[in-house]
Amino acid sequence: MPVPTIGHQPATDPTGVRGASPAKAIGRAAAAAVGLTIAWAVLAGATEHHFAYASLLVGLALARVLTSTPARRAWFPPLAAALAFGVGWCGDVLGVGLDLNWRYDVPLAVVAHRFGELFDNVSGAHSFMDYLFFVLAAVCAAALTAGRQATGADPSARAPRAEQRASDACPDLSATRQP
């Protein structure tokens, strides 16, 4: 008879968390990041503004999407951070490219050909506060992803009210007992 060792994993995982494939979560997160980047670019291009403070909402959305499946991996929080930072940064760059096309009739082929220069110019034009919001979005996305992975709970869900918790924990002693 084999002796169980420390760290022995059961042959079957009743929760299915350890065996869950991360491909679905990564695919959803990548699709969400692309969609959010496009939305950011269209909004930035149409308004000629960038909305760095909205990157915090992007971080929250990406954390929710990344942990929407039962797959849990140690590298999900850094992935969420990188995606959250990238959405804001790339959204601004693409937004300026769209603005050049829409407002100044610069052909998209020229914008694509000069994309390196556009990227450098937009990156240099970001202020300290822009970078601060991008980094905060990355930190929030990583922290929310790690928290949801550790607890398995949705941090934005409301806890039950105190009356509900008390009634669940303590039986009503005034109720009549039946034999």
Protein backbone atom coordinates (compact mmCIF):
# COMPACT_ATOMS: atom_id res chain seq x y z
CA MET A 1 0.00 0.00 0.00
CA PRO A 2 1.55 3.35 -1.05
CA VAL A 3 2.14 5.91 1.65
CA PRO A 4 0.54 9.29 1.02
CA THR A 5 3.07 12.09 0.73
CA ILE A 6 2.81 15.77 1.47
CA GLY A 7 1.33 17.59 -1.47
CA HIS A 8 -0.31 14.44 -2.86
CA GLN A 9 -3.08 15.40 -5.24
CA PRO A 10 -6.15 13.20 -5.53
CA ALA A 11 -6.59 11.36 -8.80
CA THR A 12 -9.86 13.13 -9.41
CA ASP A 13 -10.59 16.74 -8.61
CA PRO A 14 -14.26 17.09 -7.68
CA THR A 15 -14.23 20.83 -8.37
CA GLY A 16 -12.63 20.51 -11.80
CA VAL A 17 -10.53 23.61 -11.11
CA ARG A 18 -7.09 22.03 -11.41
CA GLY A 19 -7.87 20.24 -14.65
CA ALA A 20 -9.65 23.13 -16.32
CA SER A 21 -7.95 24.39 -19.45
CA PRO A 22 -6.95 28.05 -19.39
CA ALA A 23 -7.45 28.39 -23.16
CA LYS A 24 -11.08 29.47 -22.79
CA ALA A 25 -10.25 32.15 -20.21
CA ILE A 26 -7.30 33.43 -22.26
CA GLY A 27 -9.41 33.52 -25.42
CA ARG A 28 -12.15 35.47 -23.69
CA ALA A 29 -9.68 37.89 -22.12
CA ALA A 30 -7.90 38.46 -25.44
CA ALA A 31 -11.20 39.04 -27.23
CA ALA A 32 -12.30 41.44 -24.48
CA ALA A 33 -8.97 43.29 -24.70
CA VAL A 34 -9.26 43.66 -28.47
CA GLY A 35 -12.86 44.83 -28.19
CA LEU A 36 -12.03 47.30 -25.43
CA THR A 37 -9.04 48.61 -27.41
CA ILE A 38 -11.21 49.19 -30.47
CA ALA A 39 -13.89 50.92 -28.40
CA TRP A 40 -11.23 53.06 -26.70
CA ALA A 41 -9.69 53.97 -30.08
CA VAL A 42 -13.02 54.92 -31.63
CA LEU A 43 -13.97 57.01 -28.60
CA ALA A 44 -10.56 58.70 -28.45
CA GLY A 45 -10.51 59.30 -32.21
CA ALA A 46 -14.03 60.71 -32.30
CA THR A 47 -13.58 63.04 -29.33
CA GLU A 48 -9.88 63.95 -29.73
CA HIS A 49 -9.38 63.13 -26.05
CA HIS A 50 -7.96 60.20 -24.20
CA PHE A 51 -9.66 58.85 -21.13
CA ALA A 52 -6.89 57.41 -18.98
CA TYR A 53 -9.13 57.26 -15.91
CA ALA A 54 -11.40 54.83 -17.77
CA SER A 55 -8.55 52.33 -17.80
CA LEU A 56 -9.53 51.41 -14.22
CA LEU A 57 -12.85 50.12 -15.56
CA VAL A 58 -10.95 48.27 -18.26
CA GLY A 59 -8.88 46.54 -15.56
CA LEU A 60 -12.03 45.52 -13.71
CA ALA A 61 -13.65 44.17 -16.87
CA LEU A 62 -10.58 42.18 -17.86
CA ALA A 63 -10.26 40.66 -14.38
CA ARG A 64 -13.90 39.56 -14.48
CA VAL A 65 -13.53 38.06 -17.94
CA LEU A 66 -10.26 36.29 -17.14
CA THR A 67 -11.70 34.61 -14.05
CA SER A 68 -15.09 33.79 -15.56
CA THR A 69 -14.03 30.19 -16.12
CA PRO A 70 -12.96 27.72 -13.42
CA ALA A 71 -9.38 27.68 -14.75
CA ARG A 72 -6.87 29.11 -12.29
CA ARG A 73 -3.23 29.75 -13.12
CA ALA A 74 -0.51 31.65 -11.28
CA TRP A 75 0.27 33.74 -14.36
CA PHE A 76 -3.30 35.04 -14.84
CA PRO A 77 -2.76 38.17 -12.66
CA PRO A 78 0.29 39.32 -14.65
CA LEU A 79 -1.61 38.61 -17.87
CA ALA A 80 -4.54 40.72 -16.66
CA ALA A 81 -2.11 43.52 -15.75
CA ALA A 82 -0.43 43.47 -19.15
CA LEU A 83 -3.76 43.46 -20.99
CA ALA A 84 -5.16 46.32 -18.89
CA PHE A 85 -2.07 48.46 -19.48
CA GLY A 86 -2.03 47.62 -23.17
CA VAL A 87 -5.67 48.48 -23.78
CA GLY A 88 -5.23 52.07 -22.63
CA TRP A 89 -1.90 52.64 -24.32
CA CYS A 90 -2.76 51.01 -27.64
CA GLY A 91 -6.25 52.53 -27.58
CA ASP A 92 -4.73 56.00 -27.43
CA VAL A 93 -2.29 55.28 -30.26
CA LEU A 94 -5.00 53.82 -32.49
CA GLY A 95 -7.33 56.68 -31.54
CA VAL A 96 -4.81 59.25 -32.77
CA GLY A 97 -4.43 57.25 -35.98
CA LEU A 98 -8.19 57.27 -36.50
CA ASP A 99 -8.32 60.97 -35.70
CA LEU A 100 -5.67 61.66 -38.33
CA ASN A 101 -7.75 59.76 -40.86
CA TRP A 102 -11.14 61.20 -39.93
CA ARG A 103 -10.28 64.84 -39.30
CA TYR A 104 -7.24 65.45 -41.47
CA ASP A 105 -7.87 62.98 -44.32
CA VAL A 106 -4.54 61.20 -43.85
CA PRO A 107 -4.96 57.85 -45.61
CA LEU A 108 -4.89 54.81 -43.33
CA ALA A 109 -2.05 53.37 -45.45
CA VAL A 110 0.11 56.37 -44.54
CA VAL A 111 -0.88 56.05 -40.87
CA ALA A 112 0.02 52.35 -40.95
CA HIS A 113 3.31 53.04 -42.74
CA ARG A 114 4.28 55.68 -40.14
CA PHE A 115 2.91 53.70 -37.18
CA GLY A 116 6.29 53.61 -35.41
CA GLU A 117 6.54 57.39 -35.44
CA LEU A 118 2.92 57.69 -34.35
CA PHE A 119 3.54 55.27 -31.48
CA ASP A 120 6.62 57.22 -30.32
CA ASN A 121 4.85 60.58 -30.54
CA VAL A 122 1.74 59.46 -28.67
CA SER A 123 3.80 57.66 -26.04
CA GLY A 124 5.87 60.79 -25.51
CA ALA A 125 2.76 62.95 -25.26
CA HIS A 126 1.28 60.95 -22.38
CA SER A 127 1.51 62.78 -19.08
CA PHE A 128 2.54 61.39 -15.73
CA MET A 129 -1.13 61.08 -14.78
CA ASP A 130 -1.86 59.03 -17.90
CA TYR A 131 0.88 56.59 -17.01
CA LEU A 132 -0.29 56.56 -13.40
CA PHE A 133 -3.80 55.55 -14.46
CA PHE A 134 -2.44 52.89 -16.83
CA VAL A 135 -0.31 51.42 -14.03
CA LEU A 136 -3.19 51.61 -11.55
CA ALA A 137 -5.39 49.77 -14.03
CA ALA A 138 -2.74 47.07 -14.33
CA VAL A 139 -2.42 46.76 -10.55
CA CYS A 140 -6.21 46.63 -10.11
CA ALA A 141 -6.58 43.99 -12.81
CA ALA A 142 -3.84 41.85 -11.25
CA ALA A 143 -5.19 42.24 -7.71
CA LEU A 144 -8.78 41.49 -8.69
CA THR A 145 -7.71 38.48 -10.72
CA ALA A 146 -5.58 37.13 -7.87
CA GLY A 147 -8.35 37.76 -5.36
CA ARG A 148 -10.98 36.04 -7.43
CA GLN A 149 -8.66 33.10 -8.02
CA ALA A 150 -7.83 32.77 -4.32
CA THR A 151 -11.37 33.01 -2.99
CA GLY A 152 -13.37 31.88 -5.97
CA ALA A 153 -15.80 34.66 -5.10
CA ASP A 154 -16.86 37.69 -7.02
CA PRO A 155 -15.51 40.72 -5.09
CA SER A 156 -18.23 42.94 -6.52
CA ALA A 157 -21.02 40.69 -5.25
CA ARG A 158 -22.89 41.94 -2.23
CA ALA A 159 -22.63 40.07 1.03
CA PRO A 160 -25.87 38.87 2.61
CA ARG A 161 -27.49 41.28 5.01
CA ALA A 162 -26.86 40.87 8.74
CA GLU A 163 -30.43 39.69 9.37
CA GLN A 164 -30.07 36.93 6.82
CA ARG A 165 -26.74 35.78 8.24
CA ALA A 166 -28.10 35.77 11.79
CA SER A 167 -31.21 33.83 10.85
CA ASP A 168 -29.12 31.28 8.96
CA ALA A 169 -26.74 30.75 11.86
CA CYS A 170 -29.15 30.69 14.83
CA PRO A 171 -32.32 28.63 14.84
CA ASP A 172 -35.45 30.24 16.16
CA LEU A 173 -35.93 28.80 19.67
CA SER A 174 -39.46 30.15 20.04
CA ALA A 175 -40.72 27.88 17.27
CA THR A 176 -42.77 24.92 18.37
CA ARG A 177 -41.02 21.59 18.33
CA GLN A 178 -42.64 18.59 16.86
CA PRO A 179 -41.93 15.18 18.38
